[in-house]
Amino acid sequence: MNIIYKTLIAASFFLLLMSCEKEIKLDLDESEQKIVIEALLHDSSGDNLVIISKTKPFTSVGPIDYLSNLQVQIDDNNGTVYTLSEIKPGHYSNPTLTGAYNTNYTLTVIVDGVQFSASSFLPPHVAIDSLGQEQIPEIAQEDPDVPEYRVLCYFTDPAGTVNYYHFKTFNEGEQVDGFFVLRDDYIEGLSTYYPLFDNSYIDGDVVDVELLATAEFNYIYFNALSLSQEGQVPGNPISNFSNSKVVGYFTAASKSKLTIVIEDE
């Protein structure tokens, strides 16, 4: 899933807002099978992906049961329809679709003649201003002889509207376990920073940070998962799909991305 903390008070404040990803376990009946849809749409050309699979009983072993040869499309509130093609089993995308700001999108998937739909609003772009690093206290390091660092993400929250953010980090191109979501309750209209406590990094690590300006549902969905203890959720997670036989989400988001190379201080 890079910037120096300015004050201990600010760090403590953001700890209250932080959400850390844990393993997600769905409370599904052994005999019940549901469609699982994970769908993302961003504001750059071809940056969209819909992954469709089917749940298995917890006692079942084997690879994920991806669903192929499905009808998948995304349309916007202007009436434009984009067909998504299967790029590998259960993975669908459109190379020319570019999400537009302040636009509502609807994803439609047809499985065995049954239609599943979800909608999401794509908010305006919020840019990352800069990244930096902060050394973790020696007492909290895995090896006190090897300095470890955390990343801070600086950005400016747009004034006059409620904004929701989803942060992702990548180390050497691989997404780091964990995620963070934030609502701008206490930073509305301010230039601020956000500490990413998802992982520690060492000298030479190349860290990418994505700041996603997203819709309220995405914030609620991932925040609910992150706040559940031990990754357990009471019943199935919420979903913005219209059919109760689906678990998962469709989210549109504008994305800003910056890279930092960790250096010993």
C-alpha atoms as a PDB file:
ATOM      1  CA  MET A   1       0.000   0.000   0.000  1.00  0.00           C
ATOM      2  CA  ASN A   2       8.267   9.489   2.893  1.00  0.00           C
ATOM      3  CA  ILE A   3       7.376  12.563   4.606  1.00  0.00           C
ATOM      4  CA  ILE A   4       8.610  13.783   7.972  1.00  0.00           C
ATOM      5  CA  TYR A   5       6.077  14.139  10.812  1.00  0.00           C
ATOM      6  CA  LYS A   6       5.707  17.693  11.870  1.00  0.00           C
ATOM      7  CA  THR A   7       4.390  17.191  15.393  1.00  0.00           C
ATOM      8  CA  LEU A   8       3.623  14.332  17.730  1.00  0.00           C
ATOM      9  CA  ILE A   9       0.159  15.775  18.261  1.00  0.00           C
ATOM     10  CA  ALA A  10      -0.626  15.588  14.553  1.00  0.00           C
ATOM     11  CA  ALA A  11       0.607  12.024  14.389  1.00  0.00           C
ATOM     12  CA  SER A  12      -1.601  11.025  17.316  1.00  0.00           C
ATOM     13  CA  PHE A  13      -4.570  12.693  15.667  1.00  0.00           C
ATOM     14  CA  PHE A  14      -4.149  10.806  12.422  1.00  0.00           C
ATOM     15  CA  LEU A  15      -3.768   7.528  14.273  1.00  0.00           C
ATOM     16  CA  LEU A  16      -7.396   7.939  15.274  1.00  0.00           C
ATOM     17  CA  LEU A  17      -8.351   8.234  11.612  1.00  0.00           C
ATOM     18  CA  MET A  18      -6.151   5.399  10.358  1.00  0.00           C
ATOM     19  CA  SER A  19      -7.633   2.114   9.087  1.00  0.00           C
ATOM     20  CA  CYS A  20      -5.462  -0.971   8.578  1.00  0.00           C
ATOM     21  CA  GLU A  21      -6.433  -3.782   6.248  1.00  0.00           C
ATOM     22  CA  LYS A  22      -6.681  -7.317   7.585  1.00  0.00           C
ATOM     23  CA  GLU A  23      -7.660 -10.570   5.993  1.00  0.00           C
ATOM     24  CA  ILE A  24     -11.295 -10.398   4.889  1.00  0.00           C
ATOM     25  CA  LYS A  25     -13.460 -13.371   5.795  1.00  0.00           C
ATOM     26  CA  LEU A  26     -17.063 -13.533   4.628  1.00  0.00           C
ATOM     27  CA  ASP A  27     -19.693 -15.040   6.904  1.00  0.00           C
ATOM     28  CA  LEU A  28     -21.294 -17.199   4.211  1.00  0.00           C
ATOM     29  CA  ASP A  29     -23.416 -20.295   4.650  1.00  0.00           C
ATOM     30  CA  GLU A  30     -21.597 -23.485   3.605  1.00  0.00           C
ATOM     31  CA  SER A  31     -24.193 -24.246   0.928  1.00  0.00           C
ATOM     32  CA  GLU A  32     -24.536 -20.666  -0.281  1.00  0.00           C
ATOM     33  CA  GLN A  33     -22.719 -19.443  -3.366  1.00  0.00           C
ATOM     34  CA  LYS A  34     -22.560 -15.806  -4.293  1.00  0.00           C
ATOM     35  CA  ILE A  35     -21.128 -13.772  -7.125  1.00  0.00           C
ATOM     36  CA  VAL A  36     -18.081 -11.722  -6.124  1.00  0.00           C
ATOM     37  CA  ILE A  37     -17.497  -8.513  -8.101  1.00  0.00           C
ATOM     38  CA  GLU A  38     -14.571  -6.138  -7.528  1.00  0.00           C
ATOM     39  CA  ALA A  39     -14.771  -3.189  -9.917  1.00  0.00           C
ATOM     40  CA  LEU A  40     -12.603  -0.090 -10.219  1.00  0.00           C
ATOM     41  CA  LEU A  41     -12.793   2.886 -12.586  1.00  0.00           C
ATOM     42  CA  HIS A  42     -10.212   5.692 -12.584  1.00  0.00           C
ATOM     43  CA  ASP A  43      -9.643   8.954 -14.445  1.00  0.00           C
ATOM     44  CA  SER A  44      -6.965   7.794 -16.884  1.00  0.00           C
ATOM     45  CA  SER A  45      -7.370   5.948 -20.165  1.00  0.00           C
ATOM     46  CA  GLY A  46      -7.784   2.207 -19.768  1.00  0.00           C
ATOM     47  CA  ASP A  47      -7.416   2.336 -15.980  1.00  0.00           C
ATOM     48  CA  ASN A  48     -10.452   0.208 -15.214  1.00  0.00           C
ATOM     49  CA  LEU A  49     -10.903  -3.390 -14.152  1.00  0.00           C
ATOM     50  CA  VAL A  50     -13.791  -5.655 -13.196  1.00  0.00           C
ATOM     51  CA  ILE A  51     -12.964  -9.000 -11.559  1.00  0.00           C
ATOM     52  CA  ILE A  52     -15.803 -11.522 -11.320  1.00  0.00           C
ATOM     53  CA  SER A  53     -15.748 -14.833  -9.493  1.00  0.00           C
ATOM     54  CA  LYS A  54     -17.939 -17.122  -7.424  1.00  0.00           C
ATOM     55  CA  THR A  55     -17.610 -17.987  -3.745  1.00  0.00           C
ATOM     56  CA  LYS A  56     -16.844 -21.503  -2.551  1.00  0.00           C
ATOM     57  CA  PRO A  57     -17.719 -23.255   0.703  1.00  0.00           C
ATOM     58  CA  PHE A  58     -14.993 -22.714   3.277  1.00  0.00           C
ATOM     59  CA  THR A  59     -14.286 -26.450   3.239  1.00  0.00           C
ATOM     60  CA  SER A  60     -13.574 -26.350  -0.494  1.00  0.00           C
ATOM     61  CA  VAL A  61     -10.006 -26.076  -1.743  1.00  0.00           C
ATOM     62  CA  GLY A  62      -8.591 -25.119  -5.120  1.00  0.00           C
ATOM     63  CA  PRO A  63      -8.152 -22.012  -7.256  1.00  0.00           C
ATOM     64  CA  ILE A  64     -10.562 -19.084  -7.409  1.00  0.00           C
ATOM     65  CA  ASP A  65     -13.605 -19.833  -9.554  1.00  0.00           C
ATOM     66  CA  TYR A  66     -13.428 -16.955 -12.059  1.00  0.00           C
ATOM     67  CA  LEU A  67     -16.429 -16.397 -14.324  1.00  0.00           C
ATOM     68  CA  SER A  68     -15.719 -16.061 -18.050  1.00  0.00           C
ATOM     69  CA  ASN A  69     -17.648 -15.066 -21.173  1.00  0.00           C
ATOM     70  CA  LEU A  70     -19.923 -12.611 -19.389  1.00  0.00           C
ATOM     71  CA  GLN A  71     -21.618  -9.452 -20.609  1.00  0.00           C
ATOM     72  CA  VAL A  72     -19.992  -6.533 -18.775  1.00  0.00           C
ATOM     73  CA  GLN A  73     -20.557  -2.851 -19.480  1.00  0.00           C
ATOM     74  CA  ILE A  74     -20.210   0.574 -17.868  1.00  0.00           C
ATOM     75  CA  ASP A  75     -22.394   3.510 -18.854  1.00  0.00           C
ATOM     76  CA  ASP A  76     -22.323   7.131 -17.742  1.00  0.00           C
ATOM     77  CA  ASN A  77     -25.100   9.602 -16.977  1.00  0.00           C
ATOM     78  CA  ASN A  78     -24.704  11.076 -20.479  1.00  0.00           C
ATOM     79  CA  GLY A  79     -25.861   7.819 -22.066  1.00  0.00           C
ATOM     80  CA  THR A  80     -22.450   6.626 -23.283  1.00  0.00           C
ATOM     81  CA  VAL A  81     -22.016   2.849 -23.021  1.00  0.00           C
ATOM     82  CA  TYR A  82     -18.617   1.130 -22.744  1.00  0.00           C
ATOM     83  CA  THR A  83     -18.322  -2.610 -23.298  1.00  0.00           C
ATOM     84  CA  LEU A  84     -15.625  -4.380 -21.284  1.00  0.00           C
ATOM     85  CA  SER A  85     -13.783  -7.331 -22.836  1.00  0.00           C
ATOM     86  CA  GLU A  86     -12.287 -10.282 -21.003  1.00  0.00           C
ATOM     87  CA  ILE A  87      -8.502  -9.882 -20.818  1.00  0.00           C
ATOM     88  CA  LYS A  88      -7.938 -13.067 -18.790  1.00  0.00           C
ATOM     89  CA  PRO A  89     -10.306 -15.446 -16.980  1.00  0.00           C
ATOM     90  CA  GLY A  90     -12.787 -13.412 -14.956  1.00  0.00           C
ATOM     91  CA  HIS A  91     -10.994 -10.087 -15.592  1.00  0.00           C
ATOM     92  CA  TYR A  92     -12.705  -7.469 -17.786  1.00  0.00           C
ATOM     93  CA  SER A  93     -11.509  -4.056 -18.998  1.00  0.00           C
ATOM     94  CA  ASN A  94     -11.913  -1.404 -21.697  1.00  0.00           C
ATOM     95  CA  PRO A  95      -8.646   0.123 -23.021  1.00  0.00           C
ATOM     96  CA  THR A  96     -10.246   3.419 -24.084  1.00  0.00           C
ATOM     97  CA  LEU A  97     -12.549   4.137 -21.134  1.00  0.00           C
ATOM     98  CA  THR A  98     -11.440   7.204 -19.165  1.00  0.00           C
ATOM     99  CA  GLY A  99     -13.380   8.223 -16.081  1.00  0.00           C
ATOM    100  CA  ALA A 100     -14.633  11.828 -16.144  1.00  0.00           C
ATOM    101  CA  TYR A 101     -14.901  14.021 -13.057  1.00  0.00           C
ATOM    102  CA  ASN A 102     -18.326  14.767 -11.546  1.00  0.00           C
ATOM    103  CA  THR A 103     -19.900  11.912 -13.479  1.00  0.00           C
ATOM    104  CA  ASN A 104     -22.096   9.043 -12.338  1.00  0.00           C
ATOM    105  CA  TYR A 105     -21.249   5.588 -13.705  1.00  0.00           C
ATOM    106  CA  THR A 106     -23.257   2.373 -13.661  1.00  0.00           C
ATOM    107  CA  LEU A 107     -21.697  -1.075 -13.982  1.00  0.00           C
ATOM    108  CA  THR A 108     -23.878  -3.877 -15.339  1.00  0.00           C
ATOM    109  CA  VAL A 109     -22.911  -7.558 -15.298  1.00  0.00           C
ATOM    110  CA  ILE A 110     -25.087 -10.370 -16.637  1.00  0.00           C
ATOM    111  CA  VAL A 111     -24.490 -13.873 -15.254  1.00  0.00           C
ATOM    112  CA  ASP A 112     -26.679 -16.745 -16.496  1.00  0.00           C
ATOM    113  CA  GLY A 113     -29.341 -14.264 -17.576  1.00  0.00           C
ATOM    114  CA  VAL A 114     -29.405 -12.451 -14.232  1.00  0.00           C
ATOM    115  CA  GLN A 115     -28.429  -8.771 -14.174  1.00  0.00           C
ATOM    116  CA  PHE A 116     -26.293  -7.248 -11.422  1.00  0.00           C
ATOM    117  CA  SER A 117     -25.840  -3.462 -11.303  1.00  0.00           C
ATOM    118  CA  ALA A 118     -24.069  -0.888  -9.150  1.00  0.00           C
ATOM    119  CA  SER A 119     -23.440   2.848  -9.488  1.00  0.00           C
ATOM    120  CA  SER A 120     -20.641   5.150  -8.364  1.00  0.00           C
ATOM    121  CA  PHE A 121     -19.815   8.850  -8.616  1.00  0.00           C
ATOM    122  CA  LEU A 122     -16.328   9.937  -9.742  1.00  0.00           C
ATOM    123  CA  PRO A 123     -15.188  13.008  -7.738  1.00  0.00           C
ATOM    124  CA  PRO A 124     -12.744  15.682  -8.928  1.00  0.00           C
ATOM    125  CA  HIS A 125      -9.004  15.022  -8.898  1.00  0.00           C
ATOM    126  CA  VAL A 126      -7.018  15.789  -5.729  1.00  0.00           C
ATOM    127  CA  ALA A 127      -3.267  15.898  -6.309  1.00  0.00           C
ATOM    128  CA  ILE A 128      -0.553  14.633  -4.000  1.00  0.00           C
ATOM    129  CA  ASP A 129       1.601  17.678  -3.261  1.00  0.00           C
ATOM    130  CA  SER A 130       4.648  15.724  -2.072  1.00  0.00           C
ATOM    131  CA  LEU A 131       5.891  12.657  -0.216  1.00  0.00           C
ATOM    132  CA  GLY A 132       8.431  12.331   2.559  1.00  0.00           C
ATOM    133  CA  GLN A 133       9.744   9.891   5.138  1.00  0.00           C
ATOM    134  CA  GLU A 134       9.953   9.644   8.906  1.00  0.00           C
ATOM    135  CA  GLN A 135      12.185   7.292  10.840  1.00  0.00           C
ATOM    136  CA  ILE A 136      10.390   4.839  13.078  1.00  0.00           C
ATOM    137  CA  PRO A 137      11.565   4.913  16.719  1.00  0.00           C
ATOM    138  CA  GLU A 138      14.314   2.351  17.254  1.00  0.00           C
ATOM    139  CA  ILE A 139      12.301   0.526  19.903  1.00  0.00           C
ATOM    140  CA  ALA A 140       9.613  -0.252  17.287  1.00  0.00           C
ATOM    141  CA  GLN A 141      12.009  -1.483  14.589  1.00  0.00           C
ATOM    142  CA  GLU A 142      12.396  -5.144  13.746  1.00  0.00           C
ATOM    143  CA  ASP A 143      16.179  -4.767  13.728  1.00  0.00           C
ATOM    144  CA  PRO A 144      17.501  -1.763  15.692  1.00  0.00           C
ATOM    145  CA  ASP A 145      20.630  -1.760  13.524  1.00  0.00           C
ATOM    146  CA  VAL A 146      18.623  -1.253  10.318  1.00  0.00           C
ATOM    147  CA  PRO A 147      16.750   2.092  10.232  1.00  0.00           C
ATOM    148  CA  GLU A 148      13.112   1.814   9.180  1.00  0.00           C
ATOM    149  CA  TYR A 149      10.872   4.563   7.852  1.00  0.00           C
ATOM    150  CA  ARG A 150       7.218   5.398   7.317  1.00  0.00           C
ATOM    151  CA  VAL A 151       5.662   7.476   4.559  1.00  0.00           C
ATOM    152  CA  LEU A 152       3.686  10.703   4.824  1.00  0.00           C
ATOM    153  CA  CYS A 153       1.469  11.974   2.021  1.00  0.00           C
ATOM    154  CA  TYR A 154       0.937  15.745   1.647  1.00  0.00           C
ATOM    155  CA  PHE A 155      -2.148  17.052  -0.151  1.00  0.00           C
ATOM    156  CA  THR A 156      -4.674  19.900  -0.097  1.00  0.00           C
ATOM    157  CA  ASP A 157      -8.299  19.105   0.641  1.00  0.00           C
ATOM    158  CA  PRO A 158     -10.762  20.999  -1.604  1.00  0.00           C
ATOM    159  CA  ALA A 159     -13.007  23.357   0.350  1.00  0.00           C
ATOM    160  CA  GLY A 160     -16.787  23.520   0.188  1.00  0.00           C
ATOM    161  CA  THR A 161     -17.576  19.809  -0.131  1.00  0.00           C
ATOM    162  CA  VAL A 162     -17.272  16.588   1.838  1.00  0.00           C
ATOM    163  CA  ASN A 163     -14.352  14.570   0.487  1.00  0.00           C
ATOM    164  CA  TYR A 164     -13.409  10.925   0.925  1.00  0.00           C
ATOM    165  CA  TYR A 165      -9.969   9.422   0.339  1.00  0.00           C
ATOM    166  CA  HIS A 166      -8.490   5.969  -0.131  1.00  0.00           C
ATOM    167  CA  PHE A 167      -4.708   5.563   0.093  1.00  0.00           C
ATOM    168  CA  LYS A 168      -2.727   2.699  -1.448  1.00  0.00           C
ATOM    169  CA  THR A 169       1.010   2.036  -1.236  1.00  0.00           C
ATOM    170  CA  PHE A 170       3.332  -0.090  -3.355  1.00  0.00           C
ATOM    171  CA  ASN A 171       6.874  -1.256  -2.567  1.00  0.00           C
ATOM    172  CA  GLU A 172       8.995  -2.086  -5.605  1.00  0.00           C
ATOM    173  CA  GLY A 173       5.796  -2.295  -7.658  1.00  0.00           C
ATOM    174  CA  GLU A 174       3.986  -4.717  -5.325  1.00  0.00           C
ATOM    175  CA  GLN A 175       0.940  -3.442  -3.435  1.00  0.00           C
ATOM    176  CA  VAL A 176       1.556  -3.408   0.301  1.00  0.00           C
ATOM    177  CA  ASP A 177      -0.910  -5.224   2.548  1.00  0.00           C
ATOM    178  CA  GLY A 178      -3.167  -2.727   4.224  1.00  0.00           C
ATOM    179  CA  PHE A 179      -5.198   0.281   3.217  1.00  0.00           C
ATOM    180  CA  PHE A 180      -6.254   3.592   4.667  1.00  0.00           C
ATOM    181  CA  VAL A 181      -9.454   5.572   4.214  1.00  0.00           C
ATOM    182  CA  LEU A 182     -10.144   9.104   5.362  1.00  0.00           C
ATOM    183  CA  ARG A 183     -13.033  11.562   5.479  1.00  0.00           C
ATOM    184  CA  ASP A 184     -12.134  15.246   5.631  1.00  0.00           C
ATOM    185  CA  ASP A 185     -14.040  16.011   8.842  1.00  0.00           C
ATOM    186  CA  TYR A 186     -11.120  17.864  10.458  1.00  0.00           C
ATOM    187  CA  ILE A 187      -9.075  18.895   7.440  1.00  0.00           C
ATOM    188  CA  GLU A 188     -11.733  20.518   5.253  1.00  0.00           C
ATOM    189  CA  GLY A 189     -10.083  22.995   2.908  1.00  0.00           C
ATOM    190  CA  LEU A 190      -6.636  22.607   4.494  1.00  0.00           C
ATOM    191  CA  SER A 191      -3.188  21.720   3.223  1.00  0.00           C
ATOM    192  CA  THR A 192      -2.326  18.699   5.337  1.00  0.00           C
ATOM    193  CA  TYR A 193      -0.491  15.406   5.500  1.00  0.00           C
ATOM    194  CA  TYR A 194      -1.467  11.851   6.244  1.00  0.00           C
ATOM    195  CA  PRO A 195       0.828   9.237   7.836  1.00  0.00           C
ATOM    196  CA  LEU A 196       0.678   5.810   6.190  1.00  0.00           C
ATOM    197  CA  PHE A 197       1.216   3.284   8.965  1.00  0.00           C
ATOM    198  CA  ASP A 198       0.720   0.290   6.689  1.00  0.00           C
ATOM    199  CA  ASN A 199       4.344  -0.795   6.523  1.00  0.00           C
ATOM    200  CA  SER A 200       7.928   0.150   7.202  1.00  0.00           C
ATOM    201  CA  TYR A 201      10.577   0.727   4.571  1.00  0.00           C
ATOM    202  CA  ILE A 202      14.362   0.661   4.502  1.00  0.00           C
ATOM    203  CA  ASP A 203      17.074   2.491   2.592  1.00  0.00           C
ATOM    204  CA  GLY A 204      16.694   2.046  -1.167  1.00  0.00           C
ATOM    205  CA  ASP A 205      13.030   0.985  -1.190  1.00  0.00           C
ATOM    206  CA  VAL A 206      11.036   2.515  -4.036  1.00  0.00           C
ATOM    207  CA  VAL A 207       7.589   3.386  -2.687  1.00  0.00           C
ATOM    208  CA  ASP A 208       4.610   4.463  -4.787  1.00  0.00           C
ATOM    209  CA  VAL A 209       1.644   6.145  -3.122  1.00  0.00           C
ATOM    210  CA  GLU A 210      -1.789   6.493  -4.692  1.00  0.00           C
ATOM    211  CA  LEU A 211      -4.290   9.023  -3.382  1.00  0.00           C
ATOM    212  CA  LEU A 212      -7.785   8.154  -4.566  1.00  0.00           C
ATOM    213  CA  ALA A 213     -10.532  10.757  -4.265  1.00  0.00           C
ATOM    214  CA  THR A 214     -13.538   8.512  -4.042  1.00  0.00           C
ATOM    215  CA  ALA A 215     -17.233   8.334  -3.259  1.00  0.00           C
ATOM    216  CA  GLU A 216     -18.828   7.949   0.156  1.00  0.00           C
ATOM    217  CA  PHE A 217     -19.713   4.292  -0.359  1.00  0.00           C
ATOM    218  CA  ASN A 218     -16.097   3.302  -0.971  1.00  0.00           C
ATOM    219  CA  TYR A 219     -15.118   4.997   2.287  1.00  0.00           C
ATOM    220  CA  ILE A 220     -17.895   3.217   4.196  1.00  0.00           C
ATOM    221  CA  TYR A 221     -17.146  -0.163   2.613  1.00  0.00           C
ATOM    222  CA  PHE A 222     -13.421  -0.271   3.342  1.00  0.00           C
ATOM    223  CA  ASN A 223     -13.722   1.473   6.683  1.00  0.00           C
ATOM    224  CA  ALA A 224     -16.227  -1.169   7.828  1.00  0.00           C
ATOM    225  CA  LEU A 225     -13.833  -3.930   6.833  1.00  0.00           C
ATOM    226  CA  SER A 226     -10.822  -2.302   8.439  1.00  0.00           C
ATOM    227  CA  LEU A 227     -12.612  -1.640  11.738  1.00  0.00           C
ATOM    228  CA  SER A 228     -13.843  -5.218  12.087  1.00  0.00           C
ATOM    229  CA  GLN A 229     -11.763  -7.171  14.564  1.00  0.00           C
ATOM    230  CA  GLU A 230      -9.488  -9.902  13.273  1.00  0.00           C
ATOM    231  CA  GLY A 231     -10.870  -9.294   9.778  1.00  0.00           C
ATOM    232  CA  GLN A 232     -14.250 -10.742  10.829  1.00  0.00           C
ATOM    233  CA  VAL A 233     -17.403  -8.899   9.823  1.00  0.00           C
ATOM    234  CA  PRO A 234     -20.882  -9.527  11.257  1.00  0.00           C
ATOM    235  CA  GLY A 235     -22.597 -11.059   8.256  1.00  0.00           C
ATOM    236  CA  ASN A 236     -21.672 -10.202   4.685  1.00  0.00           C
ATOM    237  CA  PRO A 237     -20.026  -6.833   3.993  1.00  0.00           C
ATOM    238  CA  ILE A 238     -22.218  -4.121   2.569  1.00  0.00           C
ATOM    239  CA  SER A 239     -22.397  -3.841  -1.193  1.00  0.00           C
ATOM    240  CA  ASN A 240     -23.622  -1.207  -3.634  1.00  0.00           C
ATOM    241  CA  PHE A 241     -24.915  -3.869  -6.021  1.00  0.00           C
ATOM    242  CA  SER A 242     -28.678  -4.060  -6.425  1.00  0.00           C
ATOM    243  CA  ASN A 243     -28.848  -7.855  -6.126  1.00  0.00           C
ATOM    244  CA  SER A 244     -28.284  -9.494  -2.735  1.00  0.00           C
ATOM    245  CA  LYS A 245     -26.612 -12.453  -4.429  1.00  0.00           C
ATOM    246  CA  VAL A 246     -23.538 -10.285  -5.050  1.00  0.00           C
ATOM    247  CA  VAL A 247     -20.781  -9.382  -2.600  1.00  0.00           C
ATOM    248  CA  GLY A 248     -18.225  -6.776  -3.536  1.00  0.00           C
ATOM    249  CA  TYR A 249     -18.206  -3.225  -4.802  1.00  0.00           C
ATOM    250  CA  PHE A 250     -18.000  -0.897  -7.769  1.00  0.00           C
ATOM    251  CA  THR A 251     -16.091   2.306  -7.141  1.00  0.00           C
ATOM    252  CA  ALA A 252     -15.086   5.214  -9.368  1.00  0.00           C
ATOM    253  CA  ALA A 253     -12.189   7.373  -8.174  1.00  0.00           C
ATOM    254  CA  SER A 254      -9.798  10.017  -9.424  1.00  0.00           C
ATOM    255  CA  LYS A 255      -6.192   9.000  -8.803  1.00  0.00           C
ATOM    256  CA  SER A 256      -2.997  10.885  -8.012  1.00  0.00           C
ATOM    257  CA  LYS A 257       0.309   9.011  -7.750  1.00  0.00           C
ATOM    258  CA  LEU A 258       3.842   9.896  -6.621  1.00  0.00           C
ATOM    259  CA  THR A 259       7.010   7.918  -5.952  1.00  0.00           C
ATOM    260  CA  ILE A 260       9.683   8.272  -3.307  1.00  0.00           C
ATOM    261  CA  VAL A 261      12.977   6.448  -2.842  1.00  0.00           C
ATOM    262  CA  ILE A 262      13.750   5.872   0.841  1.00  0.00           C
ATOM    263  CA  GLU A 263      17.130   7.207   1.943  1.00  0.00           C
ATOM    264  CA  ASP A 264      18.877   6.782   5.288  1.00  0.00           C
ATOM    265  CA  GLU A 265      18.949   9.997   7.258  1.00  0.00           C
END
